[in-house]
């Protein structure tokens, strides 16, 4: 795509972010991996700066960002999602990740 540059974290493997550990990449598309890492790290920096360790993820979907912030970055996260199917999927992914860690 003209004007688009692949983020450096995808140069080695275009389908896996090298800056997001394997357990947090599972079931997540590359674009979403990049977004999760970038947004999660931004929230963590803001948390460190403000001293606020509690985060609310409204519209959390399958919980990928919430999971990364909680288990990958050590933040206390509350996830809010209105679609019960996504909540159930998030719970399955939570259990799968906890077994892998």
PDB file of N, CA and C in Angstrom:
ATOM      1  N   UNK A   1       0.843  -1.179   0.000  1.00  0.00           N
ATOM      2  CA  UNK A   1       0.000   0.000   0.000  1.00  0.00           C
ATOM      3  C   UNK A   1       0.890   1.244   0.000  1.00  0.00           C
ATOM      4  N   UNK A   2       0.680   2.173  -0.938  1.00  0.00           N
ATOM      5  CA  UNK A   2       1.490   3.394  -0.965  1.00  0.00           C
ATOM      6  C   UNK A   2       1.352   4.195   0.326  1.00  0.00           C
ATOM      7  N   UNK A   3       2.479   4.651   0.844  1.00  0.00           N
ATOM      8  CA  UNK A   3       2.462   5.470   2.051  1.00  0.00           C
ATOM      9  C   UNK A   3       2.364   4.680   3.344  1.00  0.00           C
ATOM     10  N   UNK A   4       2.226   3.360   3.252  1.00  0.00           N
ATOM     11  CA  UNK A   4       2.115   2.536   4.456  1.00  0.00           C
ATOM     12  C   UNK A   4       3.443   1.854   4.704  1.00  0.00           C
ATOM     13  N   UNK A   5       3.909   1.934   5.937  1.00  0.00           N
ATOM     14  CA  UNK A   5       5.153   1.278   6.310  1.00  0.00           C
ATOM     15  C   UNK A   5       4.847   0.254   7.386  1.00  0.00           C
ATOM     16  N   UNK A   6       5.323  -0.962   7.193  1.00  0.00           N
ATOM     17  CA  UNK A   6       5.113  -2.016   8.174  1.00  0.00           C
ATOM     18  C   UNK A   6       5.839  -1.664   9.464  1.00  0.00           C
ATOM     19  N   UNK A   7       5.140  -1.732  10.615  1.00  0.00           N
ATOM     20  CA  UNK A   7       5.825  -1.476  11.887  1.00  0.00           C
ATOM     21  C   UNK A   7       7.001  -2.434  12.069  1.00  0.00           C
ATOM     22  N   UNK A   8       8.072  -1.967  12.655  1.00  0.00           N
ATOM     23  CA  UNK A   8       9.294  -2.763  12.801  1.00  0.00           C
ATOM     24  C   UNK A   8       9.067  -4.065  13.553  1.00  0.00           C
ATOM     25  N   UNK A   9       8.075  -4.097  14.414  1.00  0.00           N
ATOM     26  CA  UNK A   9       7.819  -5.317  15.186  1.00  0.00           C
ATOM     27  C   UNK A   9       7.336  -6.471  14.309  1.00  0.00           C
ATOM     28  N   UNK A  10       6.968  -6.191  13.039  1.00  0.00           N
ATOM     29  CA  UNK A  10       6.478  -7.224  12.129  1.00  0.00           C
ATOM     30  C   UNK A  10       7.466  -7.553  11.017  1.00  0.00           C
ATOM     31  N   UNK A  11       8.663  -7.003  11.038  1.00  0.00           N
ATOM     32  CA  UNK A  11       9.624  -7.240   9.965  1.00  0.00           C
ATOM     33  C   UNK A  11      10.103  -8.684   9.931  1.00  0.00           C
ATOM     34  N   UNK A  12      10.335  -9.267  11.093  1.00  0.00           N
ATOM     35  CA  UNK A  12      10.815 -10.647  11.155  1.00  0.00           C
ATOM     36  C   UNK A  12       9.734 -11.634  10.739  1.00  0.00           C
ATOM     37  N   UNK A  13       8.513 -11.421  11.203  1.00  0.00           N
ATOM     38  CA  UNK A  13       7.384 -12.291  10.880  1.00  0.00           C
ATOM     39  C   UNK A  13       6.157 -11.398  10.733  1.00  0.00           C
ATOM     40  N   UNK A  14       5.633 -11.235   9.521  1.00  0.00           N
ATOM     41  CA  UNK A  14       4.537 -10.290   9.303  1.00  0.00           C
ATOM     42  C   UNK A  14       3.230 -10.642  10.008  1.00  0.00           C
ATOM     43  N   UNK A  15       3.124 -11.852  10.552  1.00  0.00           N
ATOM     44  CA  UNK A  15       1.873 -12.212  11.227  1.00  0.00           C
ATOM     45  C   UNK A  15       2.002 -12.259  12.747  1.00  0.00           C
ATOM     46  N   UNK A  16       3.183 -11.930  13.285  1.00  0.00           N
ATOM     47  CA  UNK A  16       3.389 -11.982  14.732  1.00  0.00           C
ATOM     48  C   UNK A  16       4.215 -10.787  15.195  1.00  0.00           C
ATOM     49  N   UNK A  17       3.676 -10.020  16.118  1.00  0.00           N
ATOM     50  CA  UNK A  17       4.415  -8.895  16.686  1.00  0.00           C
ATOM     51  C   UNK A  17       5.542  -9.417  17.566  1.00  0.00           C
ATOM     52  N   UNK A  18       6.764  -8.968  17.290  1.00  0.00           N
ATOM     53  CA  UNK A  18       7.905  -9.397  18.106  1.00  0.00           C
ATOM     54  C   UNK A  18       7.916  -8.699  19.464  1.00  0.00           C
ATOM     55  N   UNK A  19       7.078  -7.690  19.637  1.00  0.00           N
ATOM     56  CA  UNK A  19       7.071  -6.921  20.881  1.00  0.00           C
ATOM     57  C   UNK A  19       5.908  -7.280  21.800  1.00  0.00           C
ATOM     58  N   UNK A  20       5.143  -8.286  21.411  1.00  0.00           N
ATOM     59  CA  UNK A  20       4.042  -8.778  22.238  1.00  0.00           C
ATOM     60  C   UNK A  20       4.320 -10.255  22.462  1.00  0.00           C
ATOM     61  N   UNK A  21       4.425 -10.699  23.707  1.00  0.00           N
ATOM     62  CA  UNK A  21       4.809 -12.082  23.969  1.00  0.00           C
ATOM     63  C   UNK A  21       3.770 -13.064  23.430  1.00  0.00           C
ATOM     64  N   UNK A  22       4.235 -14.261  23.119  1.00  0.00           N
ATOM     65  CA  UNK A  22       3.419 -15.275  22.441  1.00  0.00           C
ATOM     66  C   UNK A  22       2.045 -15.513  23.064  1.00  0.00           C
ATOM     67  N   UNK A  23       1.925 -15.648  24.383  1.00  0.00           N
ATOM     68  CA  UNK A  23       0.586 -15.918  24.931  1.00  0.00           C
ATOM     69  C   UNK A  23      -0.434 -14.822  24.622  1.00  0.00           C
ATOM     70  N   UNK A  24       0.018 -13.588  24.467  1.00  0.00           N
ATOM     71  CA  UNK A  24      -0.898 -12.478  24.192  1.00  0.00           C
ATOM     72  C   UNK A  24      -1.169 -12.301  22.698  1.00  0.00           C
ATOM     73  N   UNK A  25      -0.421 -13.014  21.853  1.00  0.00           N
ATOM     74  CA  UNK A  25      -0.646 -12.950  20.406  1.00  0.00           C
ATOM     75  C   UNK A  25      -1.651 -13.988  19.930  1.00  0.00           C
ATOM     76  N   UNK A  26      -1.848 -15.030  20.704  1.00  0.00           N
ATOM     77  CA  UNK A  26      -2.703 -16.138  20.270  1.00  0.00           C
ATOM     78  C   UNK A  26      -4.129 -15.651  20.027  1.00  0.00           C
ATOM     79  N   UNK A  27      -4.698 -16.039  18.896  1.00  0.00           N
ATOM     80  CA  UNK A  27      -6.067 -15.686  18.486  1.00  0.00           C
ATOM     81  C   UNK A  27      -6.216 -14.201  18.150  1.00  0.00           C
ATOM     82  N   UNK A  28      -5.117 -13.487  17.927  1.00  0.00           N
ATOM     83  CA  UNK A  28      -5.183 -12.044  17.672  1.00  0.00           C
ATOM     84  C   UNK A  28      -4.509 -11.740  16.330  1.00  0.00           C
ATOM     85  N   UNK A  29      -5.207 -11.022  15.466  1.00  0.00           N
ATOM     86  CA  UNK A  29      -4.660 -10.640  14.158  1.00  0.00           C
ATOM     87  C   UNK A  29      -3.518  -9.632  14.340  1.00  0.00           C
ATOM     88  N   UNK A  30      -2.574  -9.610  13.378  1.00  0.00           N
ATOM     89  CA  UNK A  30      -1.410  -8.722  13.509  1.00  0.00           C
ATOM     90  C   UNK A  30      -1.756  -7.258  13.777  1.00  0.00           C
ATOM     91  N   UNK A  31      -2.717  -6.701  13.064  1.00  0.00           N
ATOM     92  CA  UNK A  31      -3.082  -5.296  13.278  1.00  0.00           C
ATOM     93  C   UNK A  31      -3.544  -5.081  14.716  1.00  0.00           C
ATOM     94  N   UNK A  32      -4.331  -6.019  15.227  1.00  0.00           N
ATOM     95  CA  UNK A  32      -4.840  -5.922  16.596  1.00  0.00           C
ATOM     96  C   UNK A  32      -3.694  -6.103  17.598  1.00  0.00           C
ATOM     97  N   UNK A  33      -2.729  -6.982  17.300  1.00  0.00           N
ATOM     98  CA  UNK A  33      -1.564  -7.159  18.172  1.00  0.00           C
ATOM     99  C   UNK A  33      -0.851  -5.825  18.359  1.00  0.00           C
ATOM    100  N   UNK A  34      -0.648  -5.140  17.254  1.00  0.00           N
ATOM    101  CA  UNK A  34       0.034  -3.843  17.276  1.00  0.00           C
ATOM    102  C   UNK A  34      -0.764  -2.848  18.125  1.00  0.00           C
ATOM    103  N   UNK A  35      -2.079  -2.808  17.926  1.00  0.00           N
ATOM    104  CA  UNK A  35      -2.935  -1.880  18.673  1.00  0.00           C
ATOM    105  C   UNK A  35      -2.937  -2.195  20.167  1.00  0.00           C
ATOM    106  N   UNK A  36      -3.028  -3.473  20.502  1.00  0.00           N
ATOM    107  CA  UNK A  36      -3.040  -3.896  21.905  1.00  0.00           C
ATOM    108  C   UNK A  36      -1.748  -3.474  22.599  1.00  0.00           C
ATOM    109  N   UNK A  37      -0.636  -3.754  21.952  1.00  0.00           N
ATOM    110  CA  UNK A  37       0.653  -3.412  22.556  1.00  0.00           C
ATOM    111  C   UNK A  37       0.790  -1.908  22.729  1.00  0.00           C
ATOM    112  N   UNK A  38       0.508  -1.158  21.680  1.00  0.00           N
ATOM    113  CA  UNK A  38       0.685   0.299  21.736  1.00  0.00           C
ATOM    114  C   UNK A  38      -0.246   0.940  22.761  1.00  0.00           C
ATOM    115  N   UNK A  39      -1.527   0.588  22.720  1.00  0.00           N
ATOM    116  CA  UNK A  39      -2.484   1.190  23.651  1.00  0.00           C
ATOM    117  C   UNK A  39      -2.212   0.732  25.080  1.00  0.00           C
ATOM    118  N   UNK A  40      -1.915  -0.557  25.256  1.00  0.00           N
ATOM    119  CA  UNK A  40      -1.606  -1.065  26.587  1.00  0.00           C
ATOM    120  C   UNK A  40      -0.411  -0.361  27.204  1.00  0.00           C
ATOM    121  N   UNK A  41       0.646  -0.182  26.409  1.00  0.00           N
ATOM    122  CA  UNK A  41       1.836   0.502  26.917  1.00  0.00           C
ATOM    123  C   UNK A  41       1.552   1.968  27.230  1.00  0.00           C
ATOM    124  N   UNK A  42       0.706   2.611  26.434  1.00  0.00           N
ATOM    125  CA  UNK A  42       0.325   3.999  26.713  1.00  0.00           C
ATOM    126  C   UNK A  42      -0.444   4.094  28.029  1.00  0.00           C
ATOM    127  N   UNK A  43      -1.404   3.197  28.224  1.00  0.00           N
ATOM    128  CA  UNK A  43      -2.181   3.197  29.468  1.00  0.00           C
ATOM    129  C   UNK A  43      -1.261   2.932  30.657  1.00  0.00           C
ATOM    130  N   UNK A  44      -0.297   2.032  30.500  1.00  0.00           N
ATOM    131  CA  UNK A  44       0.655   1.735  31.575  1.00  0.00           C
ATOM    132  C   UNK A  44       1.494   2.968  31.917  1.00  0.00           C
ATOM    133  N   UNK A  45       1.951   3.699  30.896  1.00  0.00           N
ATOM    134  CA  UNK A  45       2.722   4.927  31.143  1.00  0.00           C
ATOM    135  C   UNK A  45       1.875   5.959  31.883  1.00  0.00           C
ATOM    136  N   UNK A  46       0.624   6.109  31.459  1.00  0.00           N
ATOM    137  CA  UNK A  46      -0.278   7.039  32.146  1.00  0.00           C
ATOM    138  C   UNK A  46      -0.517   6.594  33.586  1.00  0.00           C
ATOM    139  N   UNK A  47      -0.646   5.297  33.789  1.00  0.00           N
ATOM    140  CA  UNK A  47      -0.835   4.752  35.132  1.00  0.00           C
ATOM    141  C   UNK A  47       0.374   5.063  36.016  1.00  0.00           C
ATOM    142  N   UNK A  48       1.559   4.829  35.474  1.00  0.00           N
ATOM    143  CA  UNK A  48       2.781   5.108  36.229  1.00  0.00           C
ATOM    144  C   UNK A  48       2.895   6.599  36.552  1.00  0.00           C
ATOM    145  N   UNK A  49       2.546   7.442  35.598  1.00  0.00           N
ATOM    146  CA  UNK A  49       2.644   8.890  35.765  1.00  0.00           C
ATOM    147  C   UNK A  49       1.652   9.412  36.802  1.00  0.00           C
ATOM    148  N   UNK A  50       0.431   8.880  36.782  1.00  0.00           N
ATOM    149  CA  UNK A  50      -0.626   9.388  37.666  1.00  0.00           C
ATOM    150  C   UNK A  50      -0.740   8.621  38.977  1.00  0.00           C
ATOM    151  N   UNK A  51      -0.171   7.417  39.024  1.00  0.00           N
ATOM    152  CA  UNK A  51      -0.319   6.584  40.213  1.00  0.00           C
ATOM    153  C   UNK A  51      -1.631   5.820  40.247  1.00  0.00           C
ATOM    154  N   UNK A  52      -2.415   5.926  39.201  1.00  0.00           N
ATOM    155  CA  UNK A  52      -3.696   5.215  39.114  1.00  0.00           C
ATOM    156  C   UNK A  52      -3.447   3.844  38.495  1.00  0.00           C
ATOM    157  N   UNK A  53      -3.745   2.788  39.236  1.00  0.00           N
ATOM    158  CA  UNK A  53      -3.488   1.435  38.736  1.00  0.00           C
ATOM    159  C   UNK A  53      -4.757   0.720  38.295  1.00  0.00           C
ATOM    160  N   UNK A  54      -5.902   1.369  38.420  1.00  0.00           N
ATOM    161  CA  UNK A  54      -7.172   0.746  38.041  1.00  0.00           C
ATOM    162  C   UNK A  54      -7.645   1.296  36.703  1.00  0.00           C
ATOM    163  N   UNK A  55      -8.015   0.384  35.811  1.00  0.00           N
ATOM    164  CA  UNK A  55      -8.415   0.738  34.454  1.00  0.00           C
ATOM    165  C   UNK A  55      -9.771   0.107  34.163  1.00  0.00           C
ATOM    166  N   UNK A  56     -10.624   0.825  33.439  1.00  0.00           N
ATOM    167  CA  UNK A  56     -11.898   0.281  32.974  1.00  0.00           C
ATOM    168  C   UNK A  56     -11.839   0.228  31.453  1.00  0.00           C
ATOM    169  N   UNK A  57     -12.071  -0.952  30.899  1.00  0.00           N
ATOM    170  CA  UNK A  57     -12.094  -1.148  29.448  1.00  0.00           C
ATOM    171  C   UNK A  57     -13.554  -1.294  29.036  1.00  0.00           C
ATOM    172  N   UNK A  58     -14.143  -0.218  28.529  1.00  0.00           N
ATOM    173  CA  UNK A  58     -15.552  -0.209  28.134  1.00  0.00           C
ATOM    174  C   UNK A  58     -15.648  -0.663  26.684  1.00  0.00           C
ATOM    175  N   UNK A  59     -16.491  -1.661  26.441  1.00  0.00           N
ATOM    176  CA  UNK A  59     -16.590  -2.242  25.108  1.00  0.00           C
ATOM    177  C   UNK A  59     -15.405  -3.148  24.850  1.00  0.00           C
ATOM    178  N   UNK A  60     -15.115  -3.994  25.821  1.00  0.00           N
ATOM    179  CA  UNK A  60     -13.882  -4.783  25.819  1.00  0.00           C
ATOM    180  C   UNK A  60     -13.861  -5.934  24.821  1.00  0.00           C
ATOM    181  N   UNK A  61     -14.985  -6.231  24.202  1.00  0.00           N
ATOM    182  CA  UNK A  61     -14.996  -7.290  23.188  1.00  0.00           C
ATOM    183  C   UNK A  61     -14.548  -8.621  23.750  1.00  0.00           C
ATOM    184  N   UNK A  62     -13.591  -9.244  23.081  1.00  0.00           N
ATOM    185  CA  UNK A  62     -13.069 -10.538  23.526  1.00  0.00           C
ATOM    186  C   UNK A  62     -12.024 -10.399  24.628  1.00  0.00           C
ATOM    187  N   UNK A  63     -11.733  -9.176  25.024  1.00  0.00           N
ATOM    188  CA  UNK A  63     -10.868  -8.949  26.176  1.00  0.00           C
ATOM    189  C   UNK A  63      -9.379  -8.948  25.914  1.00  0.00           C
ATOM    190  N   UNK A  64      -8.963  -8.876  24.663  1.00  0.00           N
ATOM    191  CA  UNK A  64      -7.529  -8.941  24.370  1.00  0.00           C
ATOM    192  C   UNK A  64      -6.749  -7.814  25.051  1.00  0.00           C
ATOM    193  N   UNK A  65      -7.232  -6.588  24.937  1.00  0.00           N
ATOM    194  CA  UNK A  65      -6.539  -5.454  25.563  1.00  0.00           C
ATOM    195  C   UNK A  65      -6.585  -5.567  27.084  1.00  0.00           C
ATOM    196  N   UNK A  66      -7.737  -5.884  27.631  1.00  0.00           N
ATOM    197  CA  UNK A  66      -7.875  -6.039  29.089  1.00  0.00           C
ATOM    198  C   UNK A  66      -6.930  -7.108  29.614  1.00  0.00           C
ATOM    199  N   UNK A  67      -6.868  -8.221  28.909  1.00  0.00           N
ATOM    200  CA  UNK A  67      -6.020  -9.343  29.309  1.00  0.00           C
ATOM    201  C   UNK A  67      -4.554  -8.922  29.322  1.00  0.00           C
ATOM    202  N   UNK A  68      -4.127  -8.209  28.289  1.00  0.00           N
ATOM    203  CA  UNK A  68      -2.737  -7.755  28.215  1.00  0.00           C
ATOM    204  C   UNK A  68      -2.419  -6.760  29.326  1.00  0.00           C
ATOM    205  N   UNK A  69      -3.328  -5.817  29.555  1.00  0.00           N
ATOM    206  CA  UNK A  69      -3.070  -4.820  30.604  1.00  0.00           C
ATOM    207  C   UNK A  69      -3.025  -5.471  31.983  1.00  0.00           C
ATOM    208  N   UNK A  70      -3.897  -6.439  32.232  1.00  0.00           N
ATOM    209  CA  UNK A  70      -3.951  -7.079  33.550  1.00  0.00           C
ATOM    210  C   UNK A  70      -2.806  -8.065  33.750  1.00  0.00           C
ATOM    211  N   UNK A  71      -2.690  -9.016  32.842  1.00  0.00           N
ATOM    212  CA  UNK A  71      -1.722 -10.093  33.036  1.00  0.00           C
ATOM    213  C   UNK A  71      -0.342  -9.782  32.470  1.00  0.00           C
ATOM    214  N   UNK A  72      -0.283  -8.887  31.499  1.00  0.00           N
ATOM    215  CA  UNK A  72       1.001  -8.540  30.899  1.00  0.00           C
ATOM    216  C   UNK A  72       1.654  -7.313  31.501  1.00  0.00           C
ATOM    217  N   UNK A  73       0.831  -6.370  31.951  1.00  0.00           N
ATOM    218  CA  UNK A  73       1.374  -5.104  32.455  1.00  0.00           C
ATOM    219  C   UNK A  73       1.093  -4.870  33.936  1.00  0.00           C
ATOM    220  N   UNK A  74       0.334  -5.752  34.565  1.00  0.00           N
ATOM    221  CA  UNK A  74       0.111  -5.668  36.007  1.00  0.00           C
ATOM    222  C   UNK A  74      -0.886  -4.633  36.474  1.00  0.00           C
ATOM    223  N   UNK A  75      -1.763  -4.186  35.594  1.00  0.00           N
ATOM    224  CA  UNK A  75      -2.788  -3.222  35.991  1.00  0.00           C
ATOM    225  C   UNK A  75      -4.028  -3.951  36.501  1.00  0.00           C
ATOM    226  N   UNK A  76      -4.813  -3.274  37.311  1.00  0.00           N
ATOM    227  CA  UNK A  76      -6.097  -3.824  37.765  1.00  0.00           C
ATOM    228  C   UNK A  76      -7.141  -3.365  36.751  1.00  0.00           C
ATOM    229  N   UNK A  77      -7.763  -4.313  36.045  1.00  0.00           N
ATOM    230  CA  UNK A  77      -8.648  -3.977  34.932  1.00  0.00           C
ATOM    231  C   UNK A  77     -10.050  -4.519  35.162  1.00  0.00           C
ATOM    232  N   UNK A  78     -11.035  -3.681  34.923  1.00  0.00           N
ATOM    233  CA  UNK A  78     -12.445  -4.078  34.880  1.00  0.00           C
ATOM    234  C   UNK A  78     -12.875  -3.975  33.429  1.00  0.00           C
ATOM    235  N   UNK A  79     -13.449  -5.044  32.906  1.00  0.00           N
ATOM    236  CA  UNK A  79     -13.906  -5.066  31.519  1.00  0.00           C
ATOM    237  C   UNK A  79     -15.416  -4.995  31.482  1.00  0.00           C
ATOM    238  N   UNK A  80     -15.935  -4.160  30.590  1.00  0.00           N
ATOM    239  CA  UNK A  80     -17.378  -4.029  30.412  1.00  0.00           C
ATOM    240  C   UNK A  80     -17.696  -4.332  28.956  1.00  0.00           C
ATOM    241  N   UNK A  81     -18.567  -5.319  28.734  1.00  0.00           N
ATOM    242  CA  UNK A  81     -18.968  -5.705  27.384  1.00  0.00           C
ATOM    243  C   UNK A  81     -20.436  -6.097  27.406  1.00  0.00           C
ATOM    244  N   UNK A  82     -21.209  -5.569  26.466  1.00  0.00           N
ATOM    245  CA  UNK A  82     -22.645  -5.815  26.416  1.00  0.00           C
ATOM    246  C   UNK A  82     -23.055  -7.053  25.647  1.00  0.00           C
ATOM    247  N   UNK A  83     -22.175  -7.599  24.828  1.00  0.00           N
ATOM    248  CA  UNK A  83     -22.500  -8.772  24.014  1.00  0.00           C
ATOM    249  C   UNK A  83     -22.083 -10.035  24.770  1.00  0.00           C
ATOM    250  N   UNK A  84     -23.050 -10.795  25.217  1.00  0.00           N
ATOM    251  CA  UNK A  84     -22.782 -11.982  26.034  1.00  0.00           C
ATOM    252  C   UNK A  84     -21.881 -12.984  25.313  1.00  0.00           C
ATOM    253  N   UNK A  85     -22.014 -13.095  23.993  1.00  0.00           N
ATOM    254  CA  UNK A  85     -21.155 -14.029  23.242  1.00  0.00           C
ATOM    255  C   UNK A  85     -19.686 -13.626  23.360  1.00  0.00           C
ATOM    256  N   UNK A  86     -19.422 -12.321  23.307  1.00  0.00           N
ATOM    257  CA  UNK A  86     -18.042 -11.852  23.440  1.00  0.00           C
ATOM    258  C   UNK A  86     -17.524 -12.058  24.858  1.00  0.00           C
ATOM    259  N   UNK A  87     -18.395 -11.884  25.838  1.00  0.00           N
ATOM    260  CA  UNK A  87     -18.013 -12.122  27.237  1.00  0.00           C
ATOM    261  C   UNK A  87     -17.625 -13.586  27.418  1.00  0.00           C
ATOM    262  N   UNK A  88     -18.432 -14.489  26.880  1.00  0.00           N
ATOM    263  CA  UNK A  88     -18.143 -15.922  27.002  1.00  0.00           C
ATOM    264  C   UNK A  88     -16.842 -16.281  26.297  1.00  0.00           C
ATOM    265  N   UNK A  89     -16.611 -15.703  25.125  1.00  0.00           N
ATOM    266  CA  UNK A  89     -15.364 -15.948  24.396  1.00  0.00           C
ATOM    267  C   UNK A  89     -14.180 -15.409  25.200  1.00  0.00           C
ATOM    268  N   UNK A  90     -14.335 -14.231  25.776  1.00  0.00           N
ATOM    269  CA  UNK A  90     -13.267 -13.642  26.597  1.00  0.00           C
ATOM    270  C   UNK A  90     -12.939 -14.546  27.782  1.00  0.00           C
ATOM    271  N   UNK A  91     -13.959 -15.101  28.412  1.00  0.00           N
ATOM    272  CA  UNK A  91     -13.733 -15.983  29.557  1.00  0.00           C
ATOM    273  C   UNK A  91     -12.962 -17.235  29.138  1.00  0.00           C
ATOM    274  N   UNK A  92     -13.282 -17.791  27.969  1.00  0.00           N
ATOM    275  CA  UNK A  92     -12.546 -18.955  27.463  1.00  0.00           C
ATOM    276  C   UNK A  92     -11.088 -18.595  27.194  1.00  0.00           C
ATOM    277  N   UNK A  93     -10.874 -17.447  26.562  1.00  0.00           N
ATOM    278  CA  UNK A  93      -9.509 -17.010  26.273  1.00  0.00           C
ATOM    279  C   UNK A  93      -8.734 -16.713  27.553  1.00  0.00           C
ATOM    280  N   UNK A  94      -9.413 -16.175  28.567  1.00  0.00           N
ATOM    281  CA  UNK A  94      -8.772 -15.939  29.868  1.00  0.00           C
ATOM    282  C   UNK A  94      -8.255 -17.253  30.441  1.00  0.00           C
ATOM    283  N   UNK A  95      -9.103 -18.268  30.451  1.00  0.00           N
ATOM    284  CA  UNK A  95      -8.719 -19.563  31.007  1.00  0.00           C
ATOM    285  C   UNK A  95      -7.567 -20.180  30.222  1.00  0.00           C
ATOM    286  N   UNK A  96      -7.635 -20.069  28.907  1.00  0.00           N
ATOM    287  CA  UNK A  96      -6.576 -20.608  28.055  1.00  0.00           C
ATOM    288  C   UNK A  96      -5.240 -19.927  28.359  1.00  0.00           C
ATOM    289  N   UNK A  97      -5.260 -18.613  28.510  1.00  0.00           N
ATOM    290  CA  UNK A  97      -4.028 -17.881  28.804  1.00  0.00           C
ATOM    291  C   UNK A  97      -3.500 -18.223  30.195  1.00  0.00           C
ATOM    292  N   UNK A  98      -4.376 -18.301  31.168  1.00  0.00           N
ATOM    293  CA  UNK A  98      -3.943 -18.631  32.531  1.00  0.00           C
ATOM    294  C   UNK A  98      -3.291 -20.008  32.586  1.00  0.00           C
ATOM    295  N   UNK A  99      -3.782 -20.945  31.796  1.00  0.00           N
ATOM    296  CA  UNK A  99      -3.170 -22.275  31.752  1.00  0.00           C
ATOM    297  C   UNK A  99      -1.800 -22.237  31.082  1.00  0.00           C
ATOM    298  N   UNK A 100      -1.620 -21.308  30.134  1.00  0.00           N
ATOM    299  CA  UNK A 100      -0.350 -21.206  29.409  1.00  0.00           C
ATOM    300  C   UNK A 100       0.730 -20.489  30.216  1.00  0.00           C
ATOM    301  N   UNK A 101       0.327 -19.653  31.163  1.00  0.00           N
ATOM    302  CA  UNK A 101       1.320 -18.879  31.928  1.00  0.00           C
ATOM    303  C   UNK A 101       1.931 -19.682  33.047  1.00  0.00           C
TER     304      UNK A 101
END
